[in-house]
Each structure stands twice: as structure tokens, then as C-alpha cells.
C-alpha atoms as a PDB file:
ATOM      1  CA  MET A   1     126.462  64.896  52.428  1.00  0.00           C
ATOM      2  CA  LYS A   2     125.323  61.322  52.868  1.00  0.00           C
ATOM      3  CA  LYS A   3     124.001  62.119  56.400  1.00  0.00           C
ATOM      4  CA  LEU A   4     121.998  64.974  55.047  1.00  0.00           C
ATOM      5  CA  LEU A   5     120.465  62.666  52.412  1.00  0.00           C
ATOM      6  CA  VAL A   6     119.563  60.052  54.952  1.00  0.00           C
ATOM      7  CA  VAL A   7     117.939  62.637  57.319  1.00  0.00           C
ATOM      8  CA  ILE A   8     115.957  64.082  54.473  1.00  0.00           C
ATOM      9  CA  MET A   9     114.784  60.522  53.458  1.00  0.00           C
ATOM     10  CA  ILE A  10     113.758  59.682  56.997  1.00  0.00           C
ATOM     11  CA  LEU A  11     111.813  62.979  57.328  1.00  0.00           C
ATOM     12  CA  ALA A  12     110.061  62.419  53.922  1.00  0.00           C
ATOM     13  CA  LEU A  13     109.181  58.868  54.912  1.00  0.00           C
ATOM     14  CA  THR A  14     107.918  59.868  58.315  1.00  0.00           C
ATOM     15  CA  THR A  15     105.752  62.678  56.839  1.00  0.00           C
ATOM     16  CA  SER A  16     104.281  60.432  54.142  1.00  0.00           C
ATOM     17  CA  LEU A  17     103.410  57.705  56.626  1.00  0.00           C
ATOM     18  CA  ALA A  18     101.759  60.234  58.994  1.00  0.00           C
ATOM     19  CA  LEU A  19      99.791  61.776  56.112  1.00  0.00           C
ATOM     20  CA  ALA A  20      98.437  58.430  54.984  1.00  0.00           C
ATOM     21  CA  GLN A  21      96.977  57.613  58.452  1.00  0.00           C
ATOM     22  CA  GLU A  22      94.085  60.114  58.610  1.00  0.00           C
ATOM     23  CA  ASP A  23      91.793  62.276  56.634  1.00  0.00           C
ATOM     24  CA  PHE A  24      92.645  65.881  57.353  1.00  0.00           C
ATOM     25  CA  SER A  25      91.310  69.121  55.901  1.00  0.00           C
ATOM     26  CA  LYS A  26      93.151  72.093  57.607  1.00  0.00           C
ATOM     27  CA  PHE A  27      96.511  73.609  56.655  1.00  0.00           C
ATOM     28  CA  ASP A  28      98.013  76.890  57.976  1.00  0.00           C
ATOM     29  CA  ALA A  29     100.897  78.831  56.518  1.00  0.00           C
ATOM     30  CA  GLY A  30     102.536  82.054  57.460  1.00  0.00           C
ATOM     31  CA  LEU A  31     105.509  83.987  58.707  1.00  0.00           C
ATOM     32  CA  ARG A  32     107.528  83.480  61.913  1.00  0.00           C
ATOM     33  CA  GLY A  33     109.444  86.308  63.428  1.00  0.00           C
ATOM     34  CA  GLY A  34     111.779  86.203  66.383  1.00  0.00           C
ATOM     35  CA  VAL A  35     115.254  84.999  67.265  1.00  0.00           C
ATOM     36  CA  SER A  36     115.125  82.755  64.310  1.00  0.00           C
ATOM     37  CA  SER A  37     112.710  84.012  61.605  1.00  0.00           C
ATOM     38  CA  GLY A  38     111.309  82.400  58.591  1.00  0.00           C
ATOM     39  CA  VAL A  39     108.223  80.763  57.113  1.00  0.00           C
ATOM     40  CA  THR A  40     106.017  78.165  58.885  1.00  0.00           C
ATOM     41  CA  GLY A  41     103.411  75.660  57.668  1.00  0.00           C
ATOM     42  CA  ARG A  42     101.289  73.493  59.892  1.00  0.00           C
ATOM     43  CA  LEU A  43      99.279  70.513  58.771  1.00  0.00           C
ATOM     44  CA  TRP A  44      96.516  69.426  61.095  1.00  0.00           C
ATOM     45  CA  MET A  45      96.438  65.631  61.586  1.00  0.00           C
ATOM     46  CA  SER A  46      93.309  65.769  63.971  1.00  0.00           C
ATOM     47  CA  GLU A  47      91.576  68.221  66.289  1.00  0.00           C
ATOM     48  CA  GLY A  48      94.498  67.971  68.788  1.00  0.00           C
ATOM     49  CA  SER A  49      97.575  67.214  66.804  1.00  0.00           C
ATOM     50  CA  ALA A  50      99.599  68.845  63.988  1.00  0.00           C
ATOM     51  CA  ILE A  51     102.826  68.564  62.070  1.00  0.00           C
ATOM     52  CA  GLU A  52     104.734  71.971  61.717  1.00  0.00           C
ATOM     53  CA  ALA A  53     107.506  72.653  59.300  1.00  0.00           C
ATOM     54  CA  ILE A  54     109.657  75.767  59.801  1.00  0.00           C
ATOM     55  CA  VAL A  55     112.224  77.029  57.289  1.00  0.00           C
ATOM     56  CA  GLY A  56     114.239  79.538  59.277  1.00  0.00           C
ATOM     57  CA  TRP A  57     117.418  81.594  59.193  1.00  0.00           C
ATOM     58  CA  ARG A  58     119.702  82.672  61.979  1.00  0.00           C
ATOM     59  CA  ASN A  59     123.339  83.404  62.295  1.00  0.00           C
ATOM     60  CA  LEU A  60     123.790  83.416  58.548  1.00  0.00           C
ATOM     61  CA  GLY A  61     122.451  79.898  58.296  1.00  0.00           C
ATOM     62  CA  LEU A  62     119.242  78.181  56.955  1.00  0.00           C
ATOM     63  CA  VAL A  63     117.603  75.480  58.989  1.00  0.00           C
ATOM     64  CA  ILE A  64     114.583  73.232  58.285  1.00  0.00           C
ATOM     65  CA  THR A  65     112.755  72.102  61.377  1.00  0.00           C
ATOM     66  CA  GLY A  66     109.974  69.483  61.600  1.00  0.00           C
ATOM     67  CA  LEU A  67     107.828  69.309  64.772  1.00  0.00           C
ATOM     68  CA  TYR A  68     104.947  67.152  65.938  1.00  0.00           C
ATOM     69  CA  GLU A  69     102.564  69.141  68.144  1.00  0.00           C
ATOM     70  CA  PHE A  70      99.850  68.303  70.645  1.00  0.00           C
ATOM     71  CA  HIS A  71      97.282  71.081  70.977  1.00  0.00           C
ATOM     72  CA  LYS A  72      94.995  71.596  73.922  1.00  0.00           C
ATOM     73  CA  PRO A  73      92.193  74.235  74.522  1.00  0.00           C
ATOM     74  CA  LEU A  74      93.065  76.989  76.893  1.00  0.00           C
ATOM     75  CA  GLN A  75      90.093  78.587  78.794  1.00  0.00           C
ATOM     76  CA  ILE A  76      90.644  82.097  80.039  1.00  0.00           C
ATOM     77  CA  GLY A  77      87.412  83.851  80.933  1.00  0.00           C
ATOM     78  CA  GLU A  78      85.080  84.379  78.002  1.00  0.00           C
ATOM     79  CA  VAL A  79      87.910  84.361  75.376  1.00  0.00           C
ATOM     80  CA  GLU A  80      87.234  81.810  72.580  1.00  0.00           C
ATOM     81  CA  GLY A  81      89.862  80.398  70.298  1.00  0.00           C
ATOM     82  CA  LEU A  82      92.824  80.171  72.743  1.00  0.00           C
ATOM     83  CA  SER A  83      94.922  77.093  72.809  1.00  0.00           C
ATOM     84  CA  TRP A  84      98.276  75.924  74.092  1.00  0.00           C
ATOM     85  CA  TYR A  85     100.587  73.347  72.541  1.00  0.00           C
ATOM     86  CA  PHE A  86     103.719  71.416  73.134  1.00  0.00           C
ATOM     87  CA  GLY A  87     105.830  68.909  71.072  1.00  0.00           C
ATOM     88  CA  GLY A  88     109.073  68.065  69.622  1.00  0.00           C
ATOM     89  CA  GLY A  89     111.023  67.271  66.463  1.00  0.00           C
ATOM     90  CA  VAL A  90     114.228  67.561  64.583  1.00  0.00           C
ATOM     91  CA  HIS A  91     116.169  70.136  62.526  1.00  0.00           C
ATOM     92  CA  VAL A  92     118.683  69.884  59.728  1.00  0.00           C
ATOM     93  CA  GLY A  93     120.433  72.689  57.788  1.00  0.00           C
ATOM     94  CA  PHE A  94     123.519  74.654  57.180  1.00  0.00           C
ATOM     95  CA  THR A  95     125.229  77.297  59.220  1.00  0.00           C
ATOM     96  CA  GLY A  96     127.212  80.135  57.730  1.00  0.00           C
ATOM     97  CA  TRP A  97     127.155  81.348  54.108  1.00  0.00           C
ATOM     98  CA  TRP A  98     130.994  81.178  53.530  1.00  0.00           C
ATOM     99  CA  ALA A  99     132.168  78.239  55.655  1.00  0.00           C
ATOM    100  CA  GLN A 100     129.097  76.137  55.454  1.00  0.00           C
ATOM    101  CA  ALA A 101     128.666  73.279  58.049  1.00  0.00           C
ATOM    102  CA  LEU A 102     125.886  70.806  58.275  1.00  0.00           C
ATOM    103  CA  THR A 103     123.892  71.103  61.441  1.00  0.00           C
ATOM    104  CA  LEU A 104     121.541  68.298  62.862  1.00  0.00           C
ATOM    105  CA  GLY A 105     119.614  68.101  66.174  1.00  0.00           C
ATOM    106  CA  ILE A 106     116.518  67.869  68.136  1.00  0.00           C
ATOM    107  CA  ASP A 107     113.943  70.510  69.047  1.00  0.00           C
ATOM    108  CA  GLY A 108     111.175  71.039  71.625  1.00  0.00           C
ATOM    109  CA  VAL A 109     108.307  73.549  71.562  1.00  0.00           C
ATOM    110  CA  VAL A 110     105.754  74.964  73.776  1.00  0.00           C
ATOM    111  CA  GLY A 111     103.397  77.869  72.955  1.00  0.00           C
ATOM    112  CA  VAL A 112     100.038  79.512  72.987  1.00  0.00           C
ATOM    113  CA  GLY A 113      97.837  80.235  70.001  1.00  0.00           C
ATOM    114  CA  TYR A 114      94.791  82.433  69.291  1.00  0.00           C
ATOM    115  CA  ASP A 115      92.367  81.715  66.378  1.00  0.00           C
ATOM    116  CA  LEU A 116      91.152  85.084  65.234  1.00  0.00           C
ATOM    117  CA  GLU A 117      88.549  83.807  62.798  1.00  0.00           C
ATOM    118  CA  PRO A 118      85.596  84.109  65.272  1.00  0.00           C
ATOM    119  CA  LEU A 119      86.658  87.609  66.070  1.00  0.00           C
ATOM    120  CA  ILE A 120      87.477  89.137  62.661  1.00  0.00           C
ATOM    121  CA  ASN A 121      85.692  86.668  60.416  1.00  0.00           C
ATOM    122  CA  PHE A 122      88.856  85.904  58.489  1.00  0.00           C
ATOM    123  CA  PRO A 123      90.896  82.619  58.697  1.00  0.00           C
ATOM    124  CA  LEU A 124      93.903  84.035  60.617  1.00  0.00           C
ATOM    125  CA  SER A 125      95.733  82.735  63.734  1.00  0.00           C
ATOM    126  CA  VAL A 126      98.601  84.012  65.792  1.00  0.00           C
ATOM    127  CA  THR A 127     100.997  82.093  68.026  1.00  0.00           C
ATOM    128  CA  LEU A 128     103.757  82.900  70.514  1.00  0.00           C
ATOM    129  CA  ASP A 129     106.165  79.972  71.164  1.00  0.00           C
ATOM    130  CA  TYR A 130     109.405  78.979  72.816  1.00  0.00           C
ATOM    131  CA  LYS A 131     111.456  76.446  70.791  1.00  0.00           C
ATOM    132  CA  PRO A 132     114.747  75.265  72.415  1.00  0.00           C
ATOM    133  CA  ALA A 133     117.024  73.149  70.236  1.00  0.00           C
ATOM    134  CA  LEU A 134     120.157  71.005  70.801  1.00  0.00           C
ATOM    135  CA  SER A 135     122.361  70.308  67.759  1.00  0.00           C
ATOM    136  CA  PHE A 136     124.413  67.040  67.712  1.00  0.00           C
ATOM    137  CA  LEU A 137     126.285  67.879  64.481  1.00  0.00           C
ATOM    138  CA  GLY A 138     127.534  71.154  63.214  1.00  0.00           C
ATOM    139  CA  THR A 139     128.121  74.599  64.707  1.00  0.00           C
ATOM    140  CA  TRP A 140     124.516  75.671  65.399  1.00  0.00           C
ATOM    141  CA  GLY A 141     124.999  74.562  69.023  1.00  0.00           C
ATOM    142  CA  THR A 142     122.430  74.690  71.710  1.00  0.00           C
ATOM    143  CA  SER A 143     119.752  77.359  71.410  1.00  0.00           C
ATOM    144  CA  TRP A 144     117.725  77.772  74.599  1.00  0.00           C
ATOM    145  CA  GLY A 145     116.214  81.181  73.737  1.00  0.00           C
ATOM    146  CA  ASP A 146     114.240  80.809  70.457  1.00  0.00           C
ATOM    147  CA  LEU A 147     111.143  82.866  71.211  1.00  0.00           C
ATOM    148  CA  ALA A 148     109.048  83.658  68.096  1.00  0.00           C
ATOM    149  CA  PHE A 149     105.692  85.207  67.104  1.00  0.00           C
ATOM    150  CA  SER A 150     103.837  83.652  64.026  1.00  0.00           C
ATOM    151  CA  VAL A 151     100.928  84.739  61.906  1.00  0.00           C
ATOM    152  CA  ARG A 152      99.323  82.144  59.815  1.00  0.00           C
ATOM    153  CA  TYR A 153      96.491  82.022  57.256  1.00  0.00           C
ATOM    154  CA  SER A 154      94.210  78.941  57.387  1.00  0.00           C
ATOM    155  CA  PHE A 155      93.387  77.185  54.127  1.00  0.00           C
END
């Protein structure tokens, strides 16, 4: 329990320091569906970087993931609004509802995104990403196949 408290405090401190560094104005929130499903929120730190938080469930467990992502434009023909991104972060949570075990580890992410707002005149974006994870503590283990589709509304 002490380890979980330390991890949560480190995540909170890191996030508050990152938020204090720049003036930002964009936040996306939505649903994530795939191998591990849940809710996702992304706070843009600048034009090319964002912090993403995922609260997901998988194998009867609940895991919170924090990622720092670098976003780059993706030019394919005349299609506007495409981007690709990569990054990494950490996860913490519990596995199993009956025999709960703490899980803690690192994550990577790579994906593609499409901003639908220019197309449909509504602040909506979709992403497809691959997010491998490696747990150092707990029974979550190594997850090399976390592929997910997300739909987000931009505030």
C-alpha cells in the first residue's frame, strides 16, 4: 500500500509540474476500445506534445496509465488532420477482483490520429494505437498486444 501511495504522489507531482510550465488550451476526452478498454483524456502541452491518462480494465483488473506523447504531422496525399505519435509512461493498478494484487510498470505507445473537425465541423478525433507494457510488480505481466481504437471530443 505504501508503494502505491508513493507512485500516486510521484505521478501527481510530475503532472502538476508539467502543467505549470506552459499555457495550454486544448483537452480531449473520450472512450478507448480494444484489448484493454476504458476512458482516456489527453491534455495538450504544446502543438506537438501531450499528456494522456487512461483508466482501463482488462483481465478483471483496473489500471491507470499516464503517458507523455510526441505528435508529428502525417502527410498522405490531400488528407488534412492526420498525425502520428509516440511516447512512454507508467501504469499502476490492481489485477483481479477477488485476489487483488498491485501492478506497477512502464508503457510505450505509438499510433496514428485523425482530427475529424475540418471534415465534419465538430470537434472529434479518432486514434488507433499500439501500447505495449511491462509490469515490474504484480500479476499483470508483459502485454505486447494492446491495440486500441479511441474516439475523443475536444474541449
